[in-house]
Amino acid sequence: MITLNVPQFAIRWLLLTFLKHRIQRVKLRSSNKFFDWIEVTAGMPQGTWLGPLTFVMYIDDLNPQCVVHKFVDDTILTEILPSEAAHSQMPQYLDNLLTWSKNNCMVINSKKTTEMILGTADKIPPPLLTISNNPVQRVKCFKLP
C-alpha cells in the first residue's frame, strides 16, 4: 500500500483516525423518529474531501501487470492485443486484481464489472471472464466515470 513518499505511520494514523469508531443512525423524515446509533464497520464516508484521497492512496500500489486507469472509485484494466497475439492475458490480469483486492480487504463487485472488446478480437471473442464463478457481463459500450 502507498508508494507516494508519505511515511507509513502518517498514512496509518490518518486511516485509523478517519475510519475507526464511526457511528451513524437513521432518521425518518415523515415521523422525525431517530433509530439507535450503530458503529460503521466498513466503507468510506460519503461526501468528504478525505474520502477520495484515502481511496487513491489505498489503491496506489494496484498493479495487475497491464495498463490500468484509476478513477475515484473505479478501475479499468486495458489490454492491447496485437493482431498476431495468440490469446488474451486478461484472465491473468483479472486474477492479479482479485488477489490484490483480497490481500487489501477489498471486494470486486462482479455485478458492476463489465468487459468490452474492441477491434478484430470481437469477431472471435475469448471466453467470458469470471469473478467468484460469476460471469462478467460483456458489453458493446459503457460510460467512463
C-alpha atoms as a PDB file:
ATOM      1  CA  MET A   1       0.000   0.000   0.000  1.00  0.00           C
ATOM      2  CA  ILE A   2       1.168   3.512  -0.845  1.00  0.00           C
ATOM      3  CA  THR A   3       4.226   4.494  -2.814  1.00  0.00           C
ATOM      4  CA  LEU A   4       3.643   8.250  -2.632  1.00  0.00           C
ATOM      5  CA  ASN A   5       6.640   9.171  -0.432  1.00  0.00           C
ATOM      6  CA  VAL A   6       4.370   9.625   2.568  1.00  0.00           C
ATOM      7  CA  PRO A   7       5.592   7.899   5.749  1.00  0.00           C
ATOM      8  CA  GLN A   8       3.634   4.732   6.521  1.00  0.00           C
ATOM      9  CA  PHE A   9       2.971   5.857  10.109  1.00  0.00           C
ATOM     10  CA  ALA A  10       1.282   9.038   8.826  1.00  0.00           C
ATOM     11  CA  ILE A  11      -0.937   7.109   6.445  1.00  0.00           C
ATOM     12  CA  ARG A  12      -1.894   4.543   9.070  1.00  0.00           C
ATOM     13  CA  TRP A  13      -2.669   7.302  11.583  1.00  0.00           C
ATOM     14  CA  LEU A  14      -4.818   9.111   9.025  1.00  0.00           C
ATOM     15  CA  LEU A  15      -6.739   5.992   8.041  1.00  0.00           C
ATOM     16  CA  LEU A  16      -7.207   4.768  11.588  1.00  0.00           C
ATOM     17  CA  THR A  17      -8.418   8.101  12.939  1.00  0.00           C
ATOM     18  CA  PHE A  18     -10.629   8.744   9.902  1.00  0.00           C
ATOM     19  CA  LEU A  19     -12.159   5.287   9.573  1.00  0.00           C
ATOM     20  CA  LYS A  20     -12.298   3.803  13.081  1.00  0.00           C
ATOM     21  CA  HIS A  21     -15.093   4.277  15.601  1.00  0.00           C
ATOM     22  CA  ARG A  22     -17.514   5.951  13.192  1.00  0.00           C
ATOM     23  CA  ILE A  23     -21.169   5.804  14.128  1.00  0.00           C
ATOM     24  CA  GLN A  24     -24.373   6.554  12.286  1.00  0.00           C
ATOM     25  CA  ARG A  25     -28.099   6.452  12.790  1.00  0.00           C
ATOM     26  CA  VAL A  26     -31.178   6.730  10.633  1.00  0.00           C
ATOM     27  CA  LYS A  27     -33.800   9.447  10.882  1.00  0.00           C
ATOM     28  CA  LEU A  28     -37.239   9.036   9.331  1.00  0.00           C
ATOM     29  CA  ARG A  29     -38.328  12.376   7.892  1.00  0.00           C
ATOM     30  CA  SER A  30     -42.005  11.537   7.916  1.00  0.00           C
ATOM     31  CA  SER A  31     -42.164  10.950  11.673  1.00  0.00           C
ATOM     32  CA  ASN A  32     -38.960  12.681  12.810  1.00  0.00           C
ATOM     33  CA  LYS A  33     -38.046   9.399  14.516  1.00  0.00           C
ATOM     34  CA  PHE A  34     -34.389   8.529  15.190  1.00  0.00           C
ATOM     35  CA  PHE A  35     -33.071   4.980  15.396  1.00  0.00           C
ATOM     36  CA  ASP A  36     -30.235   3.905  17.695  1.00  0.00           C
ATOM     37  CA  TRP A  37     -26.633   4.776  16.866  1.00  0.00           C
ATOM     38  CA  ILE A  38     -24.606   1.903  15.410  1.00  0.00           C
ATOM     39  CA  GLU A  39     -20.895   1.587  14.625  1.00  0.00           C
ATOM     40  CA  VAL A  40     -19.975   1.587  10.945  1.00  0.00           C
ATOM     41  CA  THR A  41     -17.539  -1.267  10.344  1.00  0.00           C
ATOM     42  CA  ALA A  42     -16.886  -0.888   6.605  1.00  0.00           C
ATOM     43  CA  GLY A  43     -16.938   1.593   3.777  1.00  0.00           C
ATOM     44  CA  MET A  44     -15.808   5.150   3.270  1.00  0.00           C
ATOM     45  CA  PRO A  45     -17.744   8.189   4.498  1.00  0.00           C
ATOM     46  CA  GLN A  46     -19.608   9.769   1.596  1.00  0.00           C
ATOM     47  CA  GLY A  47     -19.270  13.441   0.778  1.00  0.00           C
ATOM     48  CA  THR A  48     -15.931  14.092   2.474  1.00  0.00           C
ATOM     49  CA  TRP A  49     -12.895  15.542   0.726  1.00  0.00           C
ATOM     50  CA  LEU A  50     -10.739  12.987   2.518  1.00  0.00           C
ATOM     51  CA  GLY A  51     -12.700  10.005   1.147  1.00  0.00           C
ATOM     52  CA  PRO A  52     -11.429  10.134  -2.467  1.00  0.00           C
ATOM     53  CA  LEU A  53      -7.907  10.991  -1.290  1.00  0.00           C
ATOM     54  CA  THR A  54      -7.709   7.994   1.028  1.00  0.00           C
ATOM     55  CA  PHE A  55      -9.069   5.710  -1.699  1.00  0.00           C
ATOM     56  CA  VAL A  56      -6.436   6.926  -4.177  1.00  0.00           C
ATOM     57  CA  MET A  57      -3.742   6.353  -1.544  1.00  0.00           C
ATOM     58  CA  TYR A  58      -5.143   2.908  -0.813  1.00  0.00           C
ATOM     59  CA  ILE A  59      -5.092   1.736  -4.445  1.00  0.00           C
ATOM     60  CA  ASP A  60      -1.781   3.359  -5.359  1.00  0.00           C
ATOM     61  CA  ASP A  61       0.051   0.010  -5.414  1.00  0.00           C
ATOM     62  CA  LEU A  62      -2.612  -1.726  -7.530  1.00  0.00           C
ATOM     63  CA  ASN A  63      -0.662  -3.060 -10.494  1.00  0.00           C
ATOM     64  CA  PRO A  64      -2.224  -6.089 -12.209  1.00  0.00           C
ATOM     65  CA  GLN A  65       0.572  -6.089 -14.877  1.00  0.00           C
ATOM     66  CA  CYS A  66      -1.478  -4.352 -17.593  1.00  0.00           C
ATOM     67  CA  VAL A  67      -2.485  -0.793 -18.390  1.00  0.00           C
ATOM     68  CA  VAL A  68      -4.634   0.469 -15.500  1.00  0.00           C
ATOM     69  CA  HIS A  69      -6.852   3.560 -15.421  1.00  0.00           C
ATOM     70  CA  LYS A  70      -7.732   4.519 -11.846  1.00  0.00           C
ATOM     71  CA  PHE A  71     -10.652   6.816 -11.101  1.00  0.00           C
ATOM     72  CA  VAL A  72     -12.078   7.876  -7.758  1.00  0.00           C
ATOM     73  CA  ASP A  73     -13.737   4.533  -7.075  1.00  0.00           C
ATOM     74  CA  ASP A  74     -13.482   2.784 -10.430  1.00  0.00           C
ATOM     75  CA  THR A  75     -10.632   0.952 -12.085  1.00  0.00           C
ATOM     76  CA  ILE A  76     -10.297  -0.034 -15.737  1.00  0.00           C
ATOM     77  CA  LEU A  77      -7.907  -2.741 -16.885  1.00  0.00           C
ATOM     78  CA  THR A  78      -6.807  -2.397 -20.515  1.00  0.00           C
ATOM     79  CA  GLU A  79      -5.126  -4.898 -22.792  1.00  0.00           C
ATOM     80  CA  ILE A  80      -3.945  -4.158 -26.310  1.00  0.00           C
ATOM     81  CA  LEU A  81      -3.678  -7.310 -28.385  1.00  0.00           C
ATOM     82  CA  PRO A  82      -1.512  -7.246 -31.482  1.00  0.00           C
ATOM     83  CA  SER A  83      -3.251  -8.931 -34.419  1.00  0.00           C
ATOM     84  CA  GLU A  84      -0.821 -11.875 -34.188  1.00  0.00           C
ATOM     85  CA  ALA A  85      -1.464 -12.411 -30.434  1.00  0.00           C
ATOM     86  CA  ALA A  86      -2.426 -15.976 -29.630  1.00  0.00           C
ATOM     87  CA  HIS A  87      -4.818 -15.187 -26.802  1.00  0.00           C
ATOM     88  CA  SER A  88      -5.821 -12.604 -24.243  1.00  0.00           C
ATOM     89  CA  GLN A  89      -3.970 -12.260 -20.944  1.00  0.00           C
ATOM     90  CA  MET A  90      -6.980 -10.558 -19.337  1.00  0.00           C
ATOM     91  CA  PRO A  91      -7.919 -13.623 -17.211  1.00  0.00           C
ATOM     92  CA  GLN A  92      -4.472 -13.432 -15.578  1.00  0.00           C
ATOM     93  CA  TYR A  93      -4.745  -9.657 -15.141  1.00  0.00           C
ATOM     94  CA  LEU A  94      -8.148 -10.115 -13.526  1.00  0.00           C
ATOM     95  CA  ASP A  95      -6.722 -12.825 -11.249  1.00  0.00           C
ATOM     96  CA  ASN A  96      -3.941 -10.398 -10.240  1.00  0.00           C
ATOM     97  CA  LEU A  97      -6.587  -7.768  -9.450  1.00  0.00           C
ATOM     98  CA  LEU A  98      -8.658 -10.236  -7.425  1.00  0.00           C
ATOM     99  CA  THR A  99      -5.585 -11.361  -5.470  1.00  0.00           C
ATOM    100  CA  TRP A 100      -4.643  -7.741  -4.740  1.00  0.00           C
ATOM    101  CA  SER A 101      -8.196  -6.935  -3.644  1.00  0.00           C
ATOM    102  CA  LYS A 102      -8.322  -9.945  -1.317  1.00  0.00           C
ATOM    103  CA  ASN A 103      -4.935  -9.057   0.189  1.00  0.00           C
ATOM    104  CA  ASN A 104      -6.191  -5.492   0.762  1.00  0.00           C
ATOM    105  CA  CYS A 105      -9.584  -6.496   2.213  1.00  0.00           C
ATOM    106  CA  MET A 106     -11.497  -5.138  -0.773  1.00  0.00           C
ATOM    107  CA  VAL A 107     -14.257  -6.810  -2.751  1.00  0.00           C
ATOM    108  CA  ILE A 108     -14.736  -6.571  -6.510  1.00  0.00           C
ATOM    109  CA  ASN A 109     -18.459  -6.387  -7.260  1.00  0.00           C
ATOM    110  CA  SER A 110     -18.985  -8.809 -10.150  1.00  0.00           C
ATOM    111  CA  LYS A 111     -22.401  -7.270 -10.876  1.00  0.00           C
ATOM    112  CA  LYS A 112     -20.778  -3.878 -11.527  1.00  0.00           C
ATOM    113  CA  THR A 113     -17.901  -5.320 -13.549  1.00  0.00           C
ATOM    114  CA  THR A 114     -18.080  -5.344 -17.342  1.00  0.00           C
ATOM    115  CA  GLU A 115     -15.841  -6.345 -20.211  1.00  0.00           C
ATOM    116  CA  MET A 116     -15.732  -4.608 -23.583  1.00  0.00           C
ATOM    117  CA  ILE A 117     -13.856  -5.913 -26.606  1.00  0.00           C
ATOM    118  CA  LEU A 118     -12.886  -3.562 -29.414  1.00  0.00           C
ATOM    119  CA  GLY A 119     -11.496  -4.352 -32.844  1.00  0.00           C
ATOM    120  CA  THR A 120     -10.895  -7.683 -34.520  1.00  0.00           C
ATOM    121  CA  ALA A 121     -10.873  -9.672 -31.269  1.00  0.00           C
ATOM    122  CA  ASP A 122     -14.639  -9.105 -31.239  1.00  0.00           C
ATOM    123  CA  LYS A 123     -15.013 -11.445 -34.254  1.00  0.00           C
ATOM    124  CA  ILE A 124     -13.730 -14.468 -32.334  1.00  0.00           C
ATOM    125  CA  PRO A 125     -14.227 -13.404 -28.716  1.00  0.00           C
ATOM    126  CA  PRO A 126     -12.237 -15.023 -25.913  1.00  0.00           C
ATOM    127  CA  PRO A 127     -14.031 -16.988 -23.180  1.00  0.00           C
ATOM    128  CA  LEU A 128     -16.005 -14.926 -20.680  1.00  0.00           C
ATOM    129  CA  LEU A 129     -14.172 -13.618 -17.636  1.00  0.00           C
ATOM    130  CA  THR A 130     -15.459 -14.756 -14.253  1.00  0.00           C
ATOM    131  CA  ILE A 131     -15.333 -13.438 -10.706  1.00  0.00           C
ATOM    132  CA  SER A 132     -16.137 -15.997  -7.994  1.00  0.00           C
ATOM    133  CA  ASN A 133     -17.753 -18.253 -10.613  1.00  0.00           C
ATOM    134  CA  ASN A 134     -19.969 -15.369 -11.785  1.00  0.00           C
ATOM    135  CA  PRO A 135     -19.554 -14.456 -15.458  1.00  0.00           C
ATOM    136  CA  VAL A 136     -18.526 -10.866 -16.162  1.00  0.00           C
ATOM    137  CA  GLN A 137     -21.038  -9.137 -18.421  1.00  0.00           C
ATOM    138  CA  ARG A 138     -19.640  -8.403 -21.888  1.00  0.00           C
ATOM    139  CA  VAL A 139     -20.940  -5.089 -23.264  1.00  0.00           C
ATOM    140  CA  LYS A 140     -20.739  -3.229 -26.581  1.00  0.00           C
ATOM    141  CA  CYS A 141     -20.385   0.171 -24.885  1.00  0.00           C
ATOM    142  CA  PHE A 142     -20.123   1.762 -21.441  1.00  0.00           C
ATOM    143  CA  LYS A 143     -19.762   5.205 -19.993  1.00  0.00           C
ATOM    144  CA  LEU A 144     -16.469   6.141 -18.412  1.00  0.00           C
ATOM    145  CA  PRO A 145     -16.784   7.591 -14.896  1.00  0.00           C
END
